């Protein structure tokens, strides 16, 4: 659905895609496959 990348992660960003259709889909180099929204968050004291 929506993935979170934490501020302390330093590895390569990989996008977990799924093909819900009945047809194969060829992803091309440079094709826009996802979008990123940067969001501020607060940590809760539990």
ModelCIF file with pLDDT and N, C-alpha, C, O atoms, coordinates in Angstrom:
data_MODEL
#
_entry.id   MODEL 
#
_entity.id                         1 
_entity.type                       polymer 
_entity.pdbx_number_of_molecules   1 
#
_entity_poly.entity_id                      1 
_entity_poly.type                           'polypeptide(L)' 
_entity_poly.nstd_linkage                   no 
_entity_poly.nstd_monomer                   no 
_entity_poly.pdbx_seq_one_letter_code       
;(UNK)(UNK)(UNK)(UNK)(UNK)(UNK)(UNK)(UNK)(UNK)(UNK)(UNK)(UNK)(UNK)(UNK)(UNK)(UNK)
(UNK)(UNK)(UNK)(UNK)(UNK)(UNK)(UNK)(UNK)(UNK)(UNK)(UNK)(UNK)(UNK)(UNK)(UNK)(UNK)
(UNK)(UNK)(UNK)(UNK)(UNK)(UNK)(UNK)(UNK)(UNK)(UNK)(UNK)(UNK)(UNK)(UNK)
;
_entity_poly.pdbx_seq_one_letter_code_can   XXXXXXXXXXXXXXXXXXXXXXXXXXXXXXXXXXXXXXXXXXXXXX 
_entity_poly.pdbx_strand_id                 A 
#
loop_
_entity_poly_seq.entity_id 
_entity_poly_seq.num 
_entity_poly_seq.mon_id 
_entity_poly_seq.hetero 
1 1  UNK n 
1 2  UNK n 
1 3  UNK n 
1 4  UNK n 
1 5  UNK n 
1 6  UNK n 
1 7  UNK n 
1 8  UNK n 
1 9  UNK n 
1 10 UNK n 
1 11 UNK n 
1 12 UNK n 
1 13 UNK n 
1 14 UNK n 
1 15 UNK n 
1 16 UNK n 
1 17 UNK n 
1 18 UNK n 
1 19 UNK n 
1 20 UNK n 
1 21 UNK n 
1 22 UNK n 
1 23 UNK n 
1 24 UNK n 
1 25 UNK n 
1 26 UNK n 
1 27 UNK n 
1 28 UNK n 
1 29 UNK n 
1 30 UNK n 
1 31 UNK n 
1 32 UNK n 
1 33 UNK n 
1 34 UNK n 
1 35 UNK n 
1 36 UNK n 
1 37 UNK n 
1 38 UNK n 
1 39 UNK n 
1 40 UNK n 
1 41 UNK n 
1 42 UNK n 
1 43 UNK n 
1 44 UNK n 
1 45 UNK n 
1 46 UNK n 
#
_struct_asym.id          A 
_struct_asym.entity_id   1 
#
loop_
_ma_qa_metric.id 
_ma_qa_metric.mode 
_ma_qa_metric.name 
_ma_qa_metric.software_group_id 
_ma_qa_metric.type 
1 global pLDDT . pLDDT 
2 local  pLDDT . pLDDT 
#
_ma_qa_metric_global.metric_id      1 
_ma_qa_metric_global.metric_value   96.85 
_ma_qa_metric_global.model_id       1 
_ma_qa_metric_global.ordinal_id     1 
#
loop_
_ma_qa_metric_local.label_asym_id 
_ma_qa_metric_local.label_comp_id 
_ma_qa_metric_local.label_seq_id 
_ma_qa_metric_local.metric_id 
_ma_qa_metric_local.metric_value 
_ma_qa_metric_local.model_id 
_ma_qa_metric_local.ordinal_id 
A UNK 1  2 91.00 1 1  
A UNK 2  2 94.00 1 2  
A UNK 3  2 94.00 1 3  
A UNK 4  2 96.00 1 4  
A UNK 5  2 97.00 1 5  
A UNK 6  2 97.00 1 6  
A UNK 7  2 97.00 1 7  
A UNK 8  2 97.00 1 8  
A UNK 9  2 98.00 1 9  
A UNK 10 2 97.00 1 10 
A UNK 11 2 98.00 1 11 
A UNK 12 2 98.00 1 12 
A UNK 13 2 98.00 1 13 
A UNK 14 2 97.00 1 14 
A UNK 15 2 98.00 1 15 
A UNK 16 2 97.00 1 16 
A UNK 17 2 98.00 1 17 
A UNK 18 2 98.00 1 18 
A UNK 19 2 98.00 1 19 
A UNK 20 2 97.00 1 20 
A UNK 21 2 97.00 1 21 
A UNK 22 2 97.00 1 22 
A UNK 23 2 97.00 1 23 
A UNK 24 2 98.00 1 24 
A UNK 25 2 98.00 1 25 
A UNK 26 2 98.00 1 26 
A UNK 27 2 98.00 1 27 
A UNK 28 2 98.00 1 28 
A UNK 29 2 98.00 1 29 
A UNK 30 2 97.00 1 30 
A UNK 31 2 97.00 1 31 
A UNK 32 2 97.00 1 32 
A UNK 33 2 98.00 1 33 
A UNK 34 2 97.00 1 34 
A UNK 35 2 97.00 1 35 
A UNK 36 2 98.00 1 36 
A UNK 37 2 98.00 1 37 
A UNK 38 2 98.00 1 38 
A UNK 39 2 97.00 1 39 
A UNK 40 2 97.00 1 40 
A UNK 41 2 96.00 1 41 
A UNK 42 2 95.00 1 42 
A UNK 43 2 94.00 1 43 
A UNK 44 2 94.00 1 44 
A UNK 45 2 96.00 1 45 
A UNK 46 2 95.00 1 46 
#
loop_
_atom_site.group_PDB 
_atom_site.id 
_atom_site.type_symbol 
_atom_site.label_atom_id 
_atom_site.label_alt_id 
_atom_site.label_comp_id 
_atom_site.label_asym_id 
_atom_site.label_entity_id 
_atom_site.label_seq_id 
_atom_site.pdbx_PDB_ins_code 
_atom_site.Cartn_x 
_atom_site.Cartn_y 
_atom_site.Cartn_z 
_atom_site.occupancy 
_atom_site.B_iso_or_equiv 
_atom_site.pdbx_formal_charge 
_atom_site.auth_seq_id 
_atom_site.auth_comp_id 
_atom_site.auth_asym_id 
_atom_site.auth_atom_id 
_atom_site.pdbx_PDB_model_num 
ATOM 1   N N  . UNK A 1 1  ? 0.830  -1.208  0.000   1.00 91.00 ? 1  UNK A N  1 
ATOM 2   C CA . UNK A 1 1  ? 0.000  0.000   0.000   1.00 91.00 ? 1  UNK A CA 1 
ATOM 3   C C  . UNK A 1 1  ? 0.858  1.248   0.000   1.00 91.00 ? 1  UNK A C  1 
ATOM 4   O O  . UNK A 1 1  ? 1.100  1.841   -1.051  1.00 91.00 ? 1  UNK A O  1 
ATOM 5   N N  . UNK A 1 2  ? 1.313  1.644   1.160   1.00 94.00 ? 2  UNK A N  1 
ATOM 6   C CA . UNK A 1 2  ? 2.262  2.750   1.291   1.00 94.00 ? 2  UNK A CA 1 
ATOM 7   C C  . UNK A 1 2  ? 3.434  2.222   2.108   1.00 94.00 ? 2  UNK A C  1 
ATOM 8   O O  . UNK A 1 2  ? 3.250  1.621   3.167   1.00 94.00 ? 2  UNK A O  1 
ATOM 9   N N  . UNK A 1 3  ? 4.633  2.454   1.602   1.00 94.00 ? 3  UNK A N  1 
ATOM 10  C CA . UNK A 1 3  ? 5.828  2.034   2.330   1.00 94.00 ? 3  UNK A CA 1 
ATOM 11  C C  . UNK A 1 3  ? 6.459  3.207   3.037   1.00 94.00 ? 3  UNK A C  1 
ATOM 12  O O  . UNK A 1 3  ? 6.362  4.346   2.582   1.00 94.00 ? 3  UNK A O  1 
ATOM 13  N N  . UNK A 1 4  ? 7.108  2.927   4.151   1.00 96.00 ? 4  UNK A N  1 
ATOM 14  C CA . UNK A 1 4  ? 7.810  3.961   4.906   1.00 96.00 ? 4  UNK A CA 1 
ATOM 15  C C  . UNK A 1 4  ? 9.301  3.711   4.850   1.00 96.00 ? 4  UNK A C  1 
ATOM 16  O O  . UNK A 1 4  ? 9.761  2.591   5.073   1.00 96.00 ? 4  UNK A O  1 
ATOM 17  N N  . UNK A 1 5  ? 10.061 4.764   4.550   1.00 97.00 ? 5  UNK A N  1 
ATOM 18  C CA . UNK A 1 5  ? 11.516 4.715   4.679   1.00 97.00 ? 5  UNK A CA 1 
ATOM 19  C C  . UNK A 1 5  ? 11.862 5.599   5.873   1.00 97.00 ? 5  UNK A C  1 
ATOM 20  O O  . UNK A 1 5  ? 11.562 6.793   5.884   1.00 97.00 ? 5  UNK A O  1 
ATOM 21  N N  . UNK A 1 6  ? 12.491 5.002   6.870   1.00 97.00 ? 6  UNK A N  1 
ATOM 22  C CA . UNK A 1 6  ? 12.853 5.725   8.092   1.00 97.00 ? 6  UNK A CA 1 
ATOM 23  C C  . UNK A 1 6  ? 14.079 6.603   7.878   1.00 97.00 ? 6  UNK A C  1 
ATOM 24  O O  . UNK A 1 6  ? 14.882 6.360   6.977   1.00 97.00 ? 6  UNK A O  1 
ATOM 25  N N  . UNK A 1 7  ? 14.210 7.622   8.714   1.00 97.00 ? 7  UNK A N  1 
ATOM 26  C CA . UNK A 1 7  ? 15.295 8.588   8.552   1.00 97.00 ? 7  UNK A CA 1 
ATOM 27  C C  . UNK A 1 7  ? 16.676 7.986   8.789   1.00 97.00 ? 7  UNK A C  1 
ATOM 28  O O  . UNK A 1 7  ? 17.673 8.552   8.340   1.00 97.00 ? 7  UNK A O  1 
ATOM 29  N N  . UNK A 1 8  ? 16.758 6.865   9.476   1.00 97.00 ? 8  UNK A N  1 
ATOM 30  C CA . UNK A 1 8  ? 18.073 6.269   9.741   1.00 97.00 ? 8  UNK A CA 1 
ATOM 31  C C  . UNK A 1 8  ? 18.440 5.161   8.749   1.00 97.00 ? 8  UNK A C  1 
ATOM 32  O O  . UNK A 1 8  ? 19.480 4.523   8.910   1.00 97.00 ? 8  UNK A O  1 
ATOM 33  N N  . UNK A 1 9  ? 17.613 4.918   7.729   1.00 98.00 ? 9  UNK A N  1 
ATOM 34  C CA . UNK A 1 9  ? 17.919 3.901   6.717   1.00 98.00 ? 9  UNK A CA 1 
ATOM 35  C C  . UNK A 1 9  ? 18.866 4.487   5.676   1.00 98.00 ? 9  UNK A C  1 
ATOM 36  O O  . UNK A 1 9  ? 18.625 5.584   5.172   1.00 98.00 ? 9  UNK A O  1 
ATOM 37  N N  . UNK A 1 10 ? 19.935 3.774   5.347   1.00 97.00 ? 10 UNK A N  1 
ATOM 38  C CA . UNK A 1 10 ? 20.920 4.273   4.388   1.00 97.00 ? 10 UNK A CA 1 
ATOM 39  C C  . UNK A 1 10 ? 21.122 3.355   3.194   1.00 97.00 ? 10 UNK A C  1 
ATOM 40  O O  . UNK A 1 10 ? 21.994 3.619   2.366   1.00 97.00 ? 10 UNK A O  1 
ATOM 41  N N  . UNK A 1 11 ? 20.349 2.293   3.079   1.00 98.00 ? 11 UNK A N  1 
ATOM 42  C CA . UNK A 1 11 ? 20.479 1.401   1.930   1.00 98.00 ? 11 UNK A CA 1 
ATOM 43  C C  . UNK A 1 11 ? 19.762 1.952   0.703   1.00 98.00 ? 11 UNK A C  1 
ATOM 44  O O  . UNK A 1 11 ? 19.124 3.004   0.751   1.00 98.00 ? 11 UNK A O  1 
ATOM 45  N N  . UNK A 1 12 ? 19.884 1.209   -0.404  1.00 98.00 ? 12 UNK A N  1 
ATOM 46  C CA . UNK A 1 12 ? 19.210 1.617   -1.636  1.00 98.00 ? 12 UNK A CA 1 
ATOM 47  C C  . UNK A 1 12 ? 17.702 1.527   -1.474  1.00 98.00 ? 12 UNK A C  1 
ATOM 48  O O  . UNK A 1 12 ? 17.184 0.588   -0.869  1.00 98.00 ? 12 UNK A O  1 
ATOM 49  N N  . UNK A 1 13 ? 17.012 2.504   -2.016  1.00 98.00 ? 13 UNK A N  1 
ATOM 50  C CA . UNK A 1 13 ? 15.552 2.470   -2.024  1.00 98.00 ? 13 UNK A CA 1 
ATOM 51  C C  . UNK A 1 13 ? 15.108 1.545   -3.150  1.00 98.00 ? 13 UNK A C  1 
ATOM 52  O O  . UNK A 1 13 ? 15.399 1.787   -4.321  1.00 98.00 ? 13 UNK A O  1 
ATOM 53  N N  . UNK A 1 14 ? 14.401 0.483   -2.778  1.00 97.00 ? 14 UNK A N  1 
ATOM 54  C CA . UNK A 1 14 ? 13.790 -0.444  -3.726  1.00 97.00 ? 14 UNK A CA 1 
ATOM 55  C C  . UNK A 1 14 ? 12.287 -0.365  -3.539  1.00 97.00 ? 14 UNK A C  1 
ATOM 56  O O  . UNK A 1 14 ? 11.812 -0.212  -2.413  1.00 97.00 ? 14 UNK A O  1 
ATOM 57  N N  . UNK A 1 15 ? 11.542 -0.466  -4.608  1.00 98.00 ? 15 UNK A N  1 
ATOM 58  C CA . UNK A 1 15 ? 10.086 -0.314  -4.541  1.00 98.00 ? 15 UNK A CA 1 
ATOM 59  C C  . UNK A 1 15 ? 9.424  -1.692  -4.694  1.00 98.00 ? 15 UNK A C  1 
ATOM 60  O O  . UNK A 1 15 ? 9.644  -2.370  -5.697  1.00 98.00 ? 15 UNK A O  1 
ATOM 61  N N  . UNK A 1 16 ? 8.613  -2.114  -3.703  1.00 97.00 ? 16 UNK A N  1 
ATOM 62  C CA . UNK A 1 16 ? 7.945  -3.409  -3.781  1.00 97.00 ? 16 UNK A CA 1 
ATOM 63  C C  . UNK A 1 16 ? 6.681  -3.327  -4.639  1.00 97.00 ? 16 UNK A C  1 
ATOM 64  O O  . UNK A 1 16 ? 5.606  -2.994  -4.141  1.00 97.00 ? 16 UNK A O  1 
ATOM 65  N N  . UNK A 1 17 ? 6.819  -3.629  -5.920  1.00 98.00 ? 17 UNK A N  1 
ATOM 66  C CA . UNK A 1 17 ? 5.695  -3.534  -6.851  1.00 98.00 ? 17 UNK A CA 1 
ATOM 67  C C  . UNK A 1 17 ? 4.973  -4.877  -6.982  1.00 98.00 ? 17 UNK A C  1 
ATOM 68  O O  . UNK A 1 17 ? 5.552  -5.943  -6.774  1.00 98.00 ? 17 UNK A O  1 
ATOM 69  N N  . UNK A 1 18 ? 3.696  -4.786  -7.332  1.00 98.00 ? 18 UNK A N  1 
ATOM 70  C CA . UNK A 1 18 ? 2.891  -5.959  -7.637  1.00 98.00 ? 18 UNK A CA 1 
ATOM 71  C C  . UNK A 1 18 ? 2.097  -5.679  -8.907  1.00 98.00 ? 18 UNK A C  1 
ATOM 72  O O  . UNK A 1 18 ? 1.636  -4.562  -9.140  1.00 98.00 ? 18 UNK A O  1 
ATOM 73  N N  . UNK A 1 19 ? 1.952  -6.708  -9.711  1.00 98.00 ? 19 UNK A N  1 
ATOM 74  C CA . UNK A 1 19 ? 1.173  -6.597  -10.944 1.00 98.00 ? 19 UNK A CA 1 
ATOM 75  C C  . UNK A 1 19 ? -0.170 -7.276  -10.697 1.00 98.00 ? 19 UNK A C  1 
ATOM 76  O O  . UNK A 1 19 ? -0.273 -8.502  -10.731 1.00 98.00 ? 19 UNK A O  1 
ATOM 77  N N  . UNK A 1 20 ? -1.192 -6.468  -10.448 1.00 97.00 ? 20 UNK A N  1 
ATOM 78  C CA . UNK A 1 20 ? -2.537 -6.988  -10.157 1.00 97.00 ? 20 UNK A CA 1 
ATOM 79  C C  . UNK A 1 20 ? -3.264 -7.404  -11.435 1.00 97.00 ? 20 UNK A C  1 
ATOM 80  O O  . UNK A 1 20 ? -4.319 -8.034  -11.357 1.00 97.00 ? 20 UNK A O  1 
ATOM 81  N N  . UNK A 1 21 ? -2.731 -7.069  -12.600 1.00 97.00 ? 21 UNK A N  1 
ATOM 82  C CA . UNK A 1 21 ? -3.438 -7.326  -13.858 1.00 97.00 ? 21 UNK A CA 1 
ATOM 83  C C  . UNK A 1 21 ? -3.228 -8.766  -14.326 1.00 97.00 ? 21 UNK A C  1 
ATOM 84  O O  . UNK A 1 21 ? -2.532 -9.556  -13.688 1.00 97.00 ? 21 UNK A O  1 
ATOM 85  N N  . UNK A 1 22 ? -3.845 -9.075  -15.449 1.00 97.00 ? 22 UNK A N  1 
ATOM 86  C CA . UNK A 1 22 ? -3.705 -10.390 -16.067 1.00 97.00 ? 22 UNK A CA 1 
ATOM 87  C C  . UNK A 1 22 ? -2.634 -10.397 -17.147 1.00 97.00 ? 22 UNK A C  1 
ATOM 88  O O  . UNK A 1 22 ? -2.383 -11.427 -17.772 1.00 97.00 ? 22 UNK A O  1 
ATOM 89  N N  . UNK A 1 23 ? -1.998 -9.239  -17.368 1.00 97.00 ? 23 UNK A N  1 
ATOM 90  C CA . UNK A 1 23 ? -0.987 -9.102  -18.414 1.00 97.00 ? 23 UNK A CA 1 
ATOM 91  C C  . UNK A 1 23 ? 0.378  -8.789  -17.802 1.00 97.00 ? 23 UNK A C  1 
ATOM 92  O O  . UNK A 1 23 ? 0.470  -8.067  -16.809 1.00 97.00 ? 23 UNK A O  1 
ATOM 93  N N  . UNK A 1 24 ? 1.429  -9.333  -18.397 1.00 98.00 ? 24 UNK A N  1 
ATOM 94  C CA . UNK A 1 24 ? 2.784  -8.984  -17.987 1.00 98.00 ? 24 UNK A CA 1 
ATOM 95  C C  . UNK A 1 24 ? 3.022  -7.504  -18.292 1.00 98.00 ? 24 UNK A C  1 
ATOM 96  O O  . UNK A 1 24 ? 2.414  -6.946  -19.206 1.00 98.00 ? 24 UNK A O  1 
ATOM 97  N N  . UNK A 1 25 ? 3.906  -6.878  -17.522 1.00 98.00 ? 25 UNK A N  1 
ATOM 98  C CA . UNK A 1 25 ? 4.206  -5.461  -17.729 1.00 98.00 ? 25 UNK A CA 1 
ATOM 99  C C  . UNK A 1 25 ? 5.725  -5.268  -17.723 1.00 98.00 ? 25 UNK A C  1 
ATOM 100 O O  . UNK A 1 25 ? 6.399  -5.671  -16.776 1.00 98.00 ? 25 UNK A O  1 
ATOM 101 N N  . UNK A 1 26 ? 6.256  -4.657  -18.769 1.00 98.00 ? 26 UNK A N  1 
ATOM 102 C CA . UNK A 1 26 ? 7.689  -4.393  -18.875 1.00 98.00 ? 26 UNK A CA 1 
ATOM 103 C C  . UNK A 1 26 ? 8.002  -3.015  -18.298 1.00 98.00 ? 26 UNK A C  1 
ATOM 104 O O  . UNK A 1 26 ? 7.529  -1.993  -18.795 1.00 98.00 ? 26 UNK A O  1 
ATOM 105 N N  . UNK A 1 27 ? 8.799  -3.011  -17.249 1.00 98.00 ? 27 UNK A N  1 
ATOM 106 C CA . UNK A 1 27 ? 9.252  -1.764  -16.632 1.00 98.00 ? 27 UNK A CA 1 
ATOM 107 C C  . UNK A 1 27 ? 10.564 -1.377  -17.298 1.00 98.00 ? 27 UNK A C  1 
ATOM 108 O O  . UNK A 1 27 ? 11.477 -2.195  -17.407 1.00 98.00 ? 27 UNK A O  1 
ATOM 109 N N  . UNK A 1 28 ? 10.654 -0.139  -17.739 1.00 98.00 ? 28 UNK A N  1 
ATOM 110 C CA . UNK A 1 28 ? 11.835 0.343   -18.447 1.00 98.00 ? 28 UNK A CA 1 
ATOM 111 C C  . UNK A 1 28 ? 12.741 1.145   -17.511 1.00 98.00 ? 28 UNK A C  1 
ATOM 112 O O  . UNK A 1 28 ? 12.273 1.748   -16.545 1.00 98.00 ? 28 UNK A O  1 
ATOM 113 N N  . UNK A 1 29 ? 14.027 1.142   -17.806 1.00 98.00 ? 29 UNK A N  1 
ATOM 114 C CA . UNK A 1 29 ? 14.968 1.955   -17.043 1.00 98.00 ? 29 UNK A CA 1 
ATOM 115 C C  . UNK A 1 29 ? 14.535 3.420   -17.116 1.00 98.00 ? 29 UNK A C  1 
ATOM 116 O O  . UNK A 1 29 ? 14.288 3.947   -18.200 1.00 98.00 ? 29 UNK A O  1 
ATOM 117 N N  . UNK A 1 30 ? 14.447 4.068   -15.960 1.00 97.00 ? 30 UNK A N  1 
ATOM 118 C CA . UNK A 1 30 ? 14.062 5.475   -15.908 1.00 97.00 ? 30 UNK A CA 1 
ATOM 119 C C  . UNK A 1 30 ? 12.568 5.711   -15.818 1.00 97.00 ? 30 UNK A C  1 
ATOM 120 O O  . UNK A 1 30 ? 12.135 6.842   -15.601 1.00 97.00 ? 30 UNK A O  1 
ATOM 121 N N  . UNK A 1 31 ? 11.757 4.646   -15.983 1.00 97.00 ? 31 UNK A N  1 
ATOM 122 C CA . UNK A 1 31 ? 10.299 4.801   -15.876 1.00 97.00 ? 31 UNK A CA 1 
ATOM 123 C C  . UNK A 1 31 ? 9.915  5.159   -14.441 1.00 97.00 ? 31 UNK A C  1 
ATOM 124 O O  . UNK A 1 31 ? 10.437 4.586   -13.485 1.00 97.00 ? 31 UNK A O  1 
ATOM 125 N N  . UNK A 1 32 ? 9.013  6.095   -14.311 1.00 97.00 ? 32 UNK A N  1 
ATOM 126 C CA . UNK A 1 32 ? 8.537  6.504   -12.986 1.00 97.00 ? 32 UNK A CA 1 
ATOM 127 C C  . UNK A 1 32 ? 7.637  5.395   -12.426 1.00 97.00 ? 32 UNK A C  1 
ATOM 128 O O  . UNK A 1 32 ? 6.567  5.123   -12.971 1.00 97.00 ? 32 UNK A O  1 
ATOM 129 N N  . UNK A 1 33 ? 8.079  4.761   -11.337 1.00 98.00 ? 33 UNK A N  1 
ATOM 130 C CA . UNK A 1 33 ? 7.367  3.598   -10.799 1.00 98.00 ? 33 UNK A CA 1 
ATOM 131 C C  . UNK A 1 33 ? 6.659  3.870   -9.483  1.00 98.00 ? 33 UNK A C  1 
ATOM 132 O O  . UNK A 1 33 ? 5.819  3.077   -9.058  1.00 98.00 ? 33 UNK A O  1 
ATOM 133 N N  . UNK A 1 34 ? 6.984  4.972   -8.837  1.00 97.00 ? 34 UNK A N  1 
ATOM 134 C CA . UNK A 1 34 ? 6.359  5.308   -7.549  1.00 97.00 ? 34 UNK A CA 1 
ATOM 135 C C  . UNK A 1 34 ? 6.556  6.792   -7.313  1.00 97.00 ? 34 UNK A C  1 
ATOM 136 O O  . UNK A 1 34 ? 7.244  7.474   -8.073  1.00 97.00 ? 34 UNK A O  1 
ATOM 137 N N  . UNK A 1 35 ? 5.940  7.279   -6.248  1.00 97.00 ? 35 UNK A N  1 
ATOM 138 C CA . UNK A 1 35 ? 6.171  8.657   -5.847  1.00 97.00 ? 35 UNK A CA 1 
ATOM 139 C C  . UNK A 1 35 ? 6.471  8.691   -4.368  1.00 97.00 ? 35 UNK A C  1 
ATOM 140 O O  . UNK A 1 35 ? 6.104  7.780   -3.626  1.00 97.00 ? 35 UNK A O  1 
ATOM 141 N N  . UNK A 1 36 ? 7.139  9.746   -3.943  1.00 98.00 ? 36 UNK A N  1 
ATOM 142 C CA . UNK A 1 36 ? 7.584  9.877   -2.558  1.00 98.00 ? 36 UNK A CA 1 
ATOM 143 C C  . UNK A 1 36 ? 7.058  11.172  -1.968  1.00 98.00 ? 36 UNK A C  1 
ATOM 144 O O  . UNK A 1 36 ? 7.218  12.247  -2.547  1.00 98.00 ? 36 UNK A O  1 
ATOM 145 N N  . UNK A 1 37 ? 6.430  11.056  -0.815  1.00 98.00 ? 37 UNK A N  1 
ATOM 146 C CA . UNK A 1 37 ? 6.018  12.221  -0.037  1.00 98.00 ? 37 UNK A CA 1 
ATOM 147 C C  . UNK A 1 37 ? 6.859  12.226  1.233   1.00 98.00 ? 37 UNK A C  1 
ATOM 148 O O  . UNK A 1 37 ? 6.879  11.240  1.971   1.00 98.00 ? 37 UNK A O  1 
ATOM 149 N N  . UNK A 1 38 ? 7.543  13.318  1.487   1.00 98.00 ? 38 UNK A N  1 
ATOM 150 C CA . UNK A 1 38 ? 8.333  13.460  2.710   1.00 98.00 ? 38 UNK A CA 1 
ATOM 151 C C  . UNK A 1 38 ? 7.406  14.037  3.782   1.00 98.00 ? 38 UNK A C  1 
ATOM 152 O O  . UNK A 1 38 ? 6.756  15.060  3.569   1.00 98.00 ? 38 UNK A O  1 
ATOM 153 N N  . UNK A 1 39 ? 7.354  13.370  4.931   1.00 97.00 ? 39 UNK A N  1 
ATOM 154 C CA . UNK A 1 39 ? 6.437  13.794  5.986   1.00 97.00 ? 39 UNK A CA 1 
ATOM 155 C C  . UNK A 1 39 ? 7.148  13.869  7.336   1.00 97.00 ? 39 UNK A C  1 
ATOM 156 O O  . UNK A 1 39 ? 7.972  13.020  7.678   1.00 97.00 ? 39 UNK A O  1 
ATOM 157 N N  . UNK A 1 40 ? 6.806  14.900  8.081   1.00 97.00 ? 40 UNK A N  1 
ATOM 158 C CA . UNK A 1 40 ? 7.298  15.051  9.448   1.00 97.00 ? 40 UNK A CA 1 
ATOM 159 C C  . UNK A 1 40 ? 6.458  14.149  10.351  1.00 97.00 ? 40 UNK A C  1 
ATOM 160 O O  . UNK A 1 40 ? 5.256  13.988  10.137  1.00 97.00 ? 40 UNK A O  1 
ATOM 161 N N  . UNK A 1 41 ? 7.089  13.575  11.343  1.00 96.00 ? 41 UNK A N  1 
ATOM 162 C CA . UNK A 1 41 ? 6.342  12.729  12.279  1.00 96.00 ? 41 UNK A CA 1 
ATOM 163 C C  . UNK A 1 41 ? 6.788  13.008  13.701  1.00 96.00 ? 41 UNK A C  1 
ATOM 164 O O  . UNK A 1 41 ? 7.828  13.621  13.938  1.00 96.00 ? 41 UNK A O  1 
ATOM 165 N N  . UNK A 1 42 ? 5.990  12.551  14.626  1.00 95.00 ? 42 UNK A N  1 
ATOM 166 C CA . UNK A 1 42 ? 6.326  12.650  16.044  1.00 95.00 ? 42 UNK A CA 1 
ATOM 167 C C  . UNK A 1 42 ? 6.377  11.252  16.621  1.00 95.00 ? 42 UNK A C  1 
ATOM 168 O O  . UNK A 1 42 ? 5.593  10.385  16.232  1.00 95.00 ? 42 UNK A O  1 
ATOM 169 N N  . UNK A 1 43 ? 7.278  11.033  17.528  1.00 94.00 ? 43 UNK A N  1 
ATOM 170 C CA . UNK A 1 43 ? 7.349  9.746   18.220  1.00 94.00 ? 43 UNK A CA 1 
ATOM 171 C C  . UNK A 1 43 ? 6.509  9.847   19.478  1.00 94.00 ? 43 UNK A C  1 
ATOM 172 O O  . UNK A 1 43 ? 6.592  10.823  20.224  1.00 94.00 ? 43 UNK A O  1 
ATOM 173 N N  . UNK A 1 44 ? 5.715  8.841   19.698  1.00 94.00 ? 44 UNK A N  1 
ATOM 174 C CA . UNK A 1 44 ? 4.850  8.819   20.880  1.00 94.00 ? 44 UNK A CA 1 
ATOM 175 C C  . UNK A 1 44 ? 5.615  8.295   22.087  1.00 94.00 ? 44 UNK A C  1 
ATOM 176 O O  . UNK A 1 44 ? 6.471  7.418   21.970  1.00 94.00 ? 44 UNK A O  1 
ATOM 177 N N  . UNK A 1 45 ? 5.290  8.847   23.236  1.00 96.00 ? 45 UNK A N  1 
ATOM 178 C CA . UNK A 1 45 ? 5.780  8.284   24.489  1.00 96.00 ? 45 UNK A CA 1 
ATOM 179 C C  . UNK A 1 45 ? 4.700  7.304   24.942  1.00 96.00 ? 45 UNK A C  1 
ATOM 180 O O  . UNK A 1 45 ? 3.571  7.703   25.226  1.00 96.00 ? 45 UNK A O  1 
ATOM 181 N N  . UNK A 1 46 ? 5.048  6.039   25.006  1.00 95.00 ? 46 UNK A N  1 
ATOM 182 C CA . UNK A 1 46 ? 4.056  5.001   25.284  1.00 95.00 ? 46 UNK A CA 1 
ATOM 183 C C  . UNK A 1 46 ? 3.984  4.743   26.780  1.00 95.00 ? 46 UNK A C  1 
ATOM 184 O O  . UNK A 1 46 ? 3.205  3.900   27.224  1.00 95.00 ? 46 UNK A O  1 
#
